[in-house]
Amino acid sequence: MPKLSEAEAKIIKAMYSCKGVATKMEITAKAKLGELSTSMLDFLIEKGMLEKVAPNANNNEPSYQLTFAGKGCFLHLPANI
């Protein structure tokens, strides 16, 4: 299982609480991060924690969702994060 930084853990926790698909802006707000870079999301995609969902007709912004590994890592996050 990949090691997660505190910021990465907050992102995964926020995604888990979204219970589905979320945009970058929704993730940033839910994780209470001042800023969330696309490179951080790409890094989590490379780690296998998130996957990118193509934009749909109603939304031009790409969305993200947890992968099976991302859902599993959430169960092992420390409670204080």
PDB file of N, CA and C in Angstrom:
ATOM      1  N   MET A   1       0.848  -1.167   0.000  1.00  0.00           N
ATOM      2  CA  MET A   1       0.000   0.000   0.000  1.00  0.00           C
ATOM      3  C   MET A   1       0.898   1.236   0.000  1.00  0.00           C
ATOM      4  N   PRO A   2       0.595   2.225  -0.848  1.00  0.00           N
ATOM      5  CA  PRO A   2       1.429   3.424  -0.926  1.00  0.00           C
ATOM      6  C   PRO A   2       1.369   4.244   0.357  1.00  0.00           C
ATOM      7  N   LYS A   3       2.480   4.906   0.676  1.00  0.00           N
ATOM      8  CA  LYS A   3       2.518   5.841   1.800  1.00  0.00           C
ATOM      9  C   LYS A   3       1.828   7.124   1.366  1.00  0.00           C
ATOM     10  N   LEU A   4       1.089   7.740   2.284  1.00  0.00           N
ATOM     11  CA  LEU A   4       0.364   8.970   1.977  1.00  0.00           C
ATOM     12  C   LEU A   4       0.840  10.107   2.869  1.00  0.00           C
ATOM     13  N   SER A   5       1.011  11.296   2.288  1.00  0.00           N
ATOM     14  CA  SER A   5       1.301  12.488   3.074  1.00  0.00           C
ATOM     15  C   SER A   5       0.003  12.949   3.737  1.00  0.00           C
ATOM     16  N   GLU A   6       0.102  13.923   4.611  1.00  0.00           N
ATOM     17  CA  GLU A   6      -1.091  14.440   5.281  1.00  0.00           C
ATOM     18  C   GLU A   6      -2.067  15.055   4.282  1.00  0.00           C
ATOM     19  N   ALA A   7      -1.535  15.809   3.310  1.00  0.00           N
ATOM     20  CA  ALA A   7      -2.404  16.429   2.292  1.00  0.00           C
ATOM     21  C   ALA A   7      -3.086  15.362   1.446  1.00  0.00           C
ATOM     22  N   GLU A   8      -2.329  14.343   1.061  1.00  0.00           N
ATOM     23  CA  GLU A   8      -2.916  13.260   0.263  1.00  0.00           C
ATOM     24  C   GLU A   8      -3.996  12.534   1.042  1.00  0.00           C
ATOM     25  N   ALA A   9      -3.752  12.307   2.326  1.00  0.00           N
ATOM     26  CA  ALA A   9      -4.742  11.637   3.167  1.00  0.00           C
ATOM     27  C   ALA A   9      -6.016  12.469   3.279  1.00  0.00           C
ATOM     28  N   LYS A  10      -5.870  13.794   3.370  1.00  0.00           N
ATOM     29  CA  LYS A  10      -7.045  14.666   3.435  1.00  0.00           C
ATOM     30  C   LYS A  10      -7.849  14.586   2.145  1.00  0.00           C
ATOM     31  N   ILE A  11      -7.148  14.502   1.020  1.00  0.00           N
ATOM     32  CA  ILE A  11      -7.831  14.402  -0.277  1.00  0.00           C
ATOM     33  C   ILE A  11      -8.606  13.091  -0.365  1.00  0.00           C
ATOM     34  N   ILE A  12      -7.971  11.991   0.026  1.00  0.00           N
ATOM     35  CA  ILE A  12      -8.637  10.687  -0.023  1.00  0.00           C
ATOM     36  C   ILE A  12      -9.836  10.677   0.917  1.00  0.00           C
ATOM     37  N   LYS A  13      -9.665  11.244   2.109  1.00  0.00           N
ATOM     38  CA  LYS A  13     -10.772  11.299   3.071  1.00  0.00           C
ATOM     39  C   LYS A  13     -11.927  12.141   2.518  1.00  0.00           C
ATOM     40  N   ALA A  14     -11.593  13.259   1.887  1.00  0.00           N
ATOM     41  CA  ALA A  14     -12.625  14.112   1.286  1.00  0.00           C
ATOM     42  C   ALA A  14     -13.349  13.370   0.170  1.00  0.00           C
ATOM     43  N   MET A  15     -12.602  12.658  -0.661  1.00  0.00           N
ATOM     44  CA  MET A  15     -13.212  11.891  -1.751  1.00  0.00           C
ATOM     45  C   MET A  15     -14.131  10.812  -1.202  1.00  0.00           C
ATOM     46  N   TYR A  16     -13.697  10.168  -0.135  1.00  0.00           N
ATOM     47  CA  TYR A  16     -14.518   9.114   0.460  1.00  0.00           C
ATOM     48  C   TYR A  16     -15.837   9.710   0.966  1.00  0.00           C
ATOM     49  N   SER A  17     -15.758  10.898   1.559  1.00  0.00           N
ATOM     50  CA  SER A  17     -16.980  11.515   2.086  1.00  0.00           C
ATOM     51  C   SER A  17     -17.892  12.020   0.972  1.00  0.00           C
ATOM     52  N   CYS A  18     -17.351  12.245  -0.223  1.00  0.00           N
ATOM     53  CA  CYS A  18     -18.183  12.662  -1.370  1.00  0.00           C
ATOM     54  C   CYS A  18     -19.035  11.508  -1.883  1.00  0.00           C
ATOM     55  N   LYS A  19     -18.654  10.285  -1.584  1.00  0.00           N
ATOM     56  CA  LYS A  19     -19.401   9.084  -1.972  1.00  0.00           C
ATOM     57  C   LYS A  19     -19.681   9.030  -3.473  1.00  0.00           C
ATOM     58  N   GLY A  20     -18.662   9.273  -4.245  1.00  0.00           N
ATOM     59  CA  GLY A  20     -18.851   9.186  -5.688  1.00  0.00           C
ATOM     60  C   GLY A  20     -17.823   9.979  -6.434  1.00  0.00           C
ATOM     61  N   VAL A  21     -18.290  10.835  -7.289  1.00  0.00           N
ATOM     62  CA  VAL A  21     -17.432  11.593  -8.181  1.00  0.00           C
ATOM     63  C   VAL A  21     -17.431  13.048  -7.742  1.00  0.00           C
ATOM     64  N   ALA A  22     -16.236  13.683  -7.780  1.00  0.00           N
ATOM     65  CA  ALA A  22     -16.129  15.086  -7.377  1.00  0.00           C
ATOM     66  C   ALA A  22     -15.158  15.819  -8.287  1.00  0.00           C
ATOM     67  N   THR A  23     -15.390  17.106  -8.456  1.00  0.00           N
ATOM     68  CA  THR A  23     -14.486  17.944  -9.243  1.00  0.00           C
ATOM     69  C   THR A  23     -13.339  18.407  -8.352  1.00  0.00           C
ATOM     70  N   LYS A  24     -12.343  18.986  -8.982  1.00  0.00           N
ATOM     71  CA  LYS A  24     -11.178  19.509  -8.251  1.00  0.00           C
ATOM     72  C   LYS A  24     -11.618  20.541  -7.210  1.00  0.00           C
ATOM     73  N   MET A  25     -12.532  21.422  -7.586  1.00  0.00           N
ATOM     74  CA  MET A  25     -13.009  22.456  -6.674  1.00  0.00           C
ATOM     75  C   MET A  25     -13.756  21.839  -5.483  1.00  0.00           C
ATOM     76  N   GLU A  26     -14.568  20.843  -5.731  1.00  0.00           N
ATOM     77  CA  GLU A  26     -15.288  20.173  -4.646  1.00  0.00           C
ATOM     78  C   GLU A  26     -14.333  19.458  -3.700  1.00  0.00           C
ATOM     79  N   ILE A  27     -13.305  18.837  -4.250  1.00  0.00           N
ATOM     80  CA  ILE A  27     -12.315  18.146  -3.422  1.00  0.00           C
ATOM     81  C   ILE A  27     -11.568  19.152  -2.560  1.00  0.00           C
ATOM     82  N   THR A  28     -11.155  20.272  -3.159  1.00  0.00           N
ATOM     83  CA  THR A  28     -10.424  21.310  -2.430  1.00  0.00           C
ATOM     84  C   THR A  28     -11.248  21.838  -1.265  1.00  0.00           C
ATOM     85  N   ALA A  29     -12.520  22.108  -1.501  1.00  0.00           N
ATOM     86  CA  ALA A  29     -13.394  22.626  -0.447  1.00  0.00           C
ATOM     87  C   ALA A  29     -13.623  21.586   0.650  1.00  0.00           C
ATOM     88  N   LYS A  30     -13.895  20.355   0.262  1.00  0.00           N
ATOM     89  CA  LYS A  30     -14.185  19.294   1.224  1.00  0.00           C
ATOM     90  C   LYS A  30     -12.962  18.955   2.078  1.00  0.00           C
ATOM     91  N   ALA A  31     -11.766  19.000   1.466  1.00  0.00           N
ATOM     92  CA  ALA A  31     -10.528  18.676   2.177  1.00  0.00           C
ATOM     93  C   ALA A  31     -10.010  19.867   2.977  1.00  0.00           C
ATOM     94  N   LYS A  32     -10.643  21.033   2.788  1.00  0.00           N
ATOM     95  CA  LYS A  32     -10.247  22.264   3.468  1.00  0.00           C
ATOM     96  C   LYS A  32      -8.790  22.600   3.192  1.00  0.00           C
ATOM     97  N   LEU A  33      -8.422  22.474   1.919  1.00  0.00           N
ATOM     98  CA  LEU A  33      -7.083  22.829   1.471  1.00  0.00           C
ATOM     99  C   LEU A  33      -7.143  24.207   0.835  1.00  0.00           C
ATOM    100  N   GLY A  34      -6.128  25.011   1.051  1.00  0.00           N
ATOM    101  CA  GLY A  34      -6.093  26.332   0.441  1.00  0.00           C
ATOM    102  C   GLY A  34      -6.030  26.248  -1.068  1.00  0.00           C
ATOM    103  N   GLU A  35      -5.238  25.300  -1.552  1.00  0.00           N
ATOM    104  CA  GLU A  35      -5.074  25.123  -2.990  1.00  0.00           C
ATOM    105  C   GLU A  35      -4.786  23.656  -3.267  1.00  0.00           C
ATOM    106  N   LEU A  36      -5.306  23.177  -4.367  1.00  0.00           N
ATOM    107  CA  LEU A  36      -5.079  21.800  -4.797  1.00  0.00           C
ATOM    108  C   LEU A  36      -4.627  21.838  -6.245  1.00  0.00           C
ATOM    109  N   SER A  37      -3.410  21.386  -6.483  1.00  0.00           N
ATOM    110  CA  SER A  37      -2.869  21.435  -7.842  1.00  0.00           C
ATOM    111  C   SER A  37      -3.307  20.210  -8.640  1.00  0.00           C
ATOM    112  N   THR A  38      -3.371  20.409  -9.926  1.00  0.00           N
ATOM    113  CA  THR A  38      -3.683  19.304 -10.819  1.00  0.00           C
ATOM    114  C   THR A  38      -2.581  18.251 -10.746  1.00  0.00           C
ATOM    115  N   SER A  39      -1.341  18.704 -10.506  1.00  0.00           N
ATOM    116  CA  SER A  39      -0.232  17.746 -10.404  1.00  0.00           C
ATOM    117  C   SER A  39      -0.399  16.832  -9.193  1.00  0.00           C
ATOM    118  N   MET A  40      -0.994  17.338  -8.088  1.00  0.00           N
ATOM    119  CA  MET A  40      -1.256  16.494  -6.918  1.00  0.00           C
ATOM    120  C   MET A  40      -2.292  15.431  -7.279  1.00  0.00           C
ATOM    121  N   LEU A  41      -3.327  15.825  -7.987  1.00  0.00           N
ATOM    122  CA  LEU A  41      -4.343  14.861  -8.411  1.00  0.00           C
ATOM    123  C   LEU A  41      -3.742  13.842  -9.385  1.00  0.00           C
ATOM    124  N   ASP A  42      -2.895  14.313 -10.303  1.00  0.00           N
ATOM    125  CA  ASP A  42      -2.223  13.397 -11.237  1.00  0.00           C
ATOM    126  C   ASP A  42      -1.327  12.416 -10.483  1.00  0.00           C
ATOM    127  N   PHE A  43      -0.660  12.896  -9.443  1.00  0.00           N
ATOM    128  CA  PHE A  43       0.196  12.046  -8.623  1.00  0.00           C
ATOM    129  C   PHE A  43      -0.633  10.951  -7.945  1.00  0.00           C
ATOM    130  N   LEU A  44      -1.801  11.315  -7.425  1.00  0.00           N
ATOM    131  CA  LEU A  44      -2.675  10.324  -6.790  1.00  0.00           C
ATOM    132  C   LEU A  44      -3.238   9.338  -7.820  1.00  0.00           C
ATOM    133  N   ILE A  45      -3.418   9.793  -9.043  1.00  0.00           N
ATOM    134  CA  ILE A  45      -3.843   8.893 -10.117  1.00  0.00           C
ATOM    135  C   ILE A  45      -2.722   7.895 -10.408  1.00  0.00           C
ATOM    136  N   GLU A  46      -1.474   8.401 -10.483  1.00  0.00           N
ATOM    137  CA  GLU A  46      -0.323   7.524 -10.724  1.00  0.00           C
ATOM    138  C   GLU A  46      -0.151   6.499  -9.604  1.00  0.00           C
ATOM    139  N   LYS A  47      -0.444   6.902  -8.363  1.00  0.00           N
ATOM    140  CA  LYS A  47      -0.346   5.984  -7.224  1.00  0.00           C
ATOM    141  C   LYS A  47      -1.460   4.950  -7.230  1.00  0.00           C
ATOM    142  N   GLY A  48      -2.493   5.185  -8.048  1.00  0.00           N
ATOM    143  CA  GLY A  48      -3.610   4.251  -8.122  1.00  0.00           C
ATOM    144  C   GLY A  48      -4.700   4.531  -7.105  1.00  0.00           C
ATOM    145  N   MET A  49      -4.670   5.722  -6.495  1.00  0.00           N
ATOM    146  CA  MET A  49      -5.658   6.069  -5.476  1.00  0.00           C
ATOM    147  C   MET A  49      -6.924   6.686  -6.091  1.00  0.00           C
ATOM    148  N   LEU A  50      -6.737   7.485  -7.138  1.00  0.00           N
ATOM    149  CA  LEU A  50      -7.852   8.155  -7.819  1.00  0.00           C
ATOM    150  C   LEU A  50      -7.851   7.771  -9.283  1.00  0.00           C
ATOM    151  N   GLU A  51      -8.998   7.978  -9.915  1.00  0.00           N
ATOM    152  CA  GLU A  51      -9.064   7.881 -11.366  1.00  0.00           C
ATOM    153  C   GLU A  51      -9.847   9.076 -11.883  1.00  0.00           C
ATOM    154  N   LYS A  52      -9.472   9.519 -13.070  1.00  0.00           N
ATOM    155  CA  LYS A  52     -10.100  10.681 -13.689  1.00  0.00           C
ATOM    156  C   LYS A  52     -11.299  10.224 -14.486  1.00  0.00           C
ATOM    157  N   VAL A  53     -12.396  10.946 -14.331  1.00  0.00           N
ATOM    158  CA  VAL A  53     -13.623  10.656 -15.058  1.00  0.00           C
ATOM    159  C   VAL A  53     -13.781  11.757 -16.106  1.00  0.00           C
ATOM    160  N   ALA A  54     -14.014  11.372 -17.331  1.00  0.00           N
ATOM    161  CA  ALA A  54     -14.147  12.338 -18.423  1.00  0.00           C
ATOM    162  C   ALA A  54     -15.303  13.296 -18.161  1.00  0.00           C
ATOM    163  N   PRO A  55     -15.133  14.551 -18.572  1.00  0.00           N
ATOM    164  CA  PRO A  55     -16.228  15.516 -18.418  1.00  0.00           C
ATOM    165  C   PRO A  55     -17.461  15.067 -19.192  1.00  0.00           C
ATOM    166  N   ASN A  56     -18.627  15.408 -18.670  1.00  0.00           N
ATOM    167  CA  ASN A  56     -19.859  15.063 -19.379  1.00  0.00           C
ATOM    168  C   ASN A  56     -20.450  16.302 -20.033  1.00  0.00           C
ATOM    169  N   ALA A  57     -21.577  16.165 -20.672  1.00  0.00           N
ATOM    170  CA  ALA A  57     -22.198  17.277 -21.402  1.00  0.00           C
ATOM    171  C   ALA A  57     -22.599  18.425 -20.472  1.00  0.00           C
ATOM    172  N   ASN A  58     -22.939  18.127 -19.225  1.00  0.00           N
ATOM    173  CA  ASN A  58     -23.380  19.153 -18.283  1.00  0.00           C
ATOM    174  C   ASN A  58     -22.220  19.841 -17.563  1.00  0.00           C
ATOM    175  N   ASN A  59     -21.028  19.231 -17.601  1.00  0.00           N
ATOM    176  CA  ASN A  59     -19.908  19.752 -16.850  1.00  0.00           C
ATOM    177  C   ASN A  59     -18.641  19.629 -17.686  1.00  0.00           C
ATOM    178  N   ASN A  60     -17.986  20.746 -17.964  1.00  0.00           N
ATOM    179  CA  ASN A  60     -16.768  20.727 -18.766  1.00  0.00           C
ATOM    180  C   ASN A  60     -15.537  20.356 -17.958  1.00  0.00           C
ATOM    181  N   GLU A  61     -15.636  20.420 -16.638  1.00  0.00           N
ATOM    182  CA  GLU A  61     -14.503  20.136 -15.770  1.00  0.00           C
ATOM    183  C   GLU A  61     -14.394  18.639 -15.499  1.00  0.00           C
ATOM    184  N   PRO A  62     -13.180  18.081 -15.589  1.00  0.00           N
ATOM    185  CA  PRO A  62     -13.041  16.655 -15.278  1.00  0.00           C
ATOM    186  C   PRO A  62     -13.334  16.386 -13.809  1.00  0.00           C
ATOM    187  N   SER A  63     -13.793  15.202 -13.524  1.00  0.00           N
ATOM    188  CA  SER A  63     -14.082  14.795 -12.152  1.00  0.00           C
ATOM    189  C   SER A  63     -13.161  13.647 -11.776  1.00  0.00           C
ATOM    190  N   TYR A  64     -13.133  13.339 -10.506  1.00  0.00           N
ATOM    191  CA  TYR A  64     -12.270  12.293  -9.984  1.00  0.00           C
ATOM    192  C   TYR A  64     -13.089  11.392  -9.080  1.00  0.00           C
ATOM    193  N   GLN A  65     -12.664  10.128  -9.005  1.00  0.00           N
ATOM    194  CA  GLN A  65     -13.303   9.203  -8.083  1.00  0.00           C
ATOM    195  C   GLN A  65     -12.234   8.288  -7.502  1.00  0.00           C
ATOM    196  N   LEU A  66     -12.531   7.715  -6.344  1.00  0.00           N
ATOM    197  CA  LEU A  66     -11.600   6.791  -5.718  1.00  0.00           C
ATOM    198  C   LEU A  66     -11.538   5.490  -6.490  1.00  0.00           C
ATOM    199  N   THR A  67     -10.377   4.912  -6.546  1.00  0.00           N
ATOM    200  CA  THR A  67     -10.231   3.570  -7.090  1.00  0.00           C
ATOM    201  C   THR A  67     -10.475   2.582  -5.954  1.00  0.00           C
ATOM    202  N   PHE A  68     -10.453   1.321  -6.259  1.00  0.00           N
ATOM    203  CA  PHE A  68     -10.595   0.296  -5.231  1.00  0.00           C
ATOM    204  C   PHE A  68      -9.485   0.454  -4.191  1.00  0.00           C
ATOM    205  N   ALA A  69      -8.254   0.735  -4.639  1.00  0.00           N
ATOM    206  CA  ALA A  69      -7.128   0.932  -3.713  1.00  0.00           C
ATOM    207  C   ALA A  69      -7.355   2.164  -2.848  1.00  0.00           C
ATOM    208  N   GLY A  70      -7.884   3.223  -3.442  1.00  0.00           N
ATOM    209  CA  GLY A  70      -8.153   4.442  -2.676  1.00  0.00           C
ATOM    210  C   GLY A  70      -9.171   4.211  -1.583  1.00  0.00           C
ATOM    211  N   LYS A  71     -10.179   3.436  -1.883  1.00  0.00           N
ATOM    212  CA  LYS A  71     -11.187   3.115  -0.872  1.00  0.00           C
ATOM    213  C   LYS A  71     -10.573   2.279   0.240  1.00  0.00           C
ATOM    214  N   GLY A  72      -9.671   1.380  -0.104  1.00  0.00           N
ATOM    215  CA  GLY A  72      -9.016   0.544   0.890  1.00  0.00           C
ATOM    216  C   GLY A  72      -8.071   1.330   1.779  1.00  0.00           C
ATOM    217  N   CYS A  73      -7.353   2.314   1.197  1.00  0.00           N
ATOM    218  CA  CYS A  73      -6.426   3.121   1.989  1.00  0.00           C
ATOM    219  C   CYS A  73      -7.159   3.964   3.009  1.00  0.00           C
ATOM    220  N   PHE A  74      -8.355   4.403   2.686  1.00  0.00           N
ATOM    221  CA  PHE A  74      -9.100   5.237   3.622  1.00  0.00           C
ATOM    222  C   PHE A  74      -9.312   4.507   4.941  1.00  0.00           C
ATOM    223  N   LEU A  75      -9.506   3.236   4.892  1.00  0.00           N
ATOM    224  CA  LEU A  75      -9.761   2.456   6.094  1.00  0.00           C
ATOM    225  C   LEU A  75      -8.567   2.446   7.024  1.00  0.00           C
ATOM    226  N   HIS A  76      -7.375   2.751   6.505  1.00  0.00           N
ATOM    227  CA  HIS A  76      -6.157   2.692   7.287  1.00  0.00           C
ATOM    228  C   HIS A  76      -5.623   4.070   7.655  1.00  0.00           C
ATOM    229  N   LEU A  77      -6.360   5.135   7.350  1.00  0.00           N
ATOM    230  CA  LEU A  77      -5.895   6.483   7.682  1.00  0.00           C
ATOM    231  C   LEU A  77      -6.012   6.705   9.181  1.00  0.00           C
ATOM    232  N   PRO A  78      -5.052   7.448   9.740  1.00  0.00           N
ATOM    233  CA  PRO A  78      -5.163   7.789  11.166  1.00  0.00           C
ATOM    234  C   PRO A  78      -6.400   8.625  11.421  1.00  0.00           C
ATOM    235  N   ALA A  79      -6.993   8.474  12.560  1.00  0.00           N
ATOM    236  CA  ALA A  79      -8.235   9.189  12.889  1.00  0.00           C
ATOM    237  C   ALA A  79      -8.039  10.685  13.032  1.00  0.00           C
ATOM    238  N   ASN A  80      -6.831  11.147  13.321  1.00  0.00           N
ATOM    239  CA  ASN A  80      -6.629  12.571  13.548  1.00  0.00           C
ATOM    240  C   ASN A  80      -6.406  13.369  12.269  1.00  0.00           C
ATOM    241  N   ILE A  81      -6.457  12.746  11.121  1.00  0.00           N
ATOM    242  CA  ILE A  81      -6.278  13.476   9.856  1.00  0.00           C
ATOM    243  C   ILE A  81      -7.631  13.901   9.333  1.00  0.00           C
TER     244      ILE A  81
END
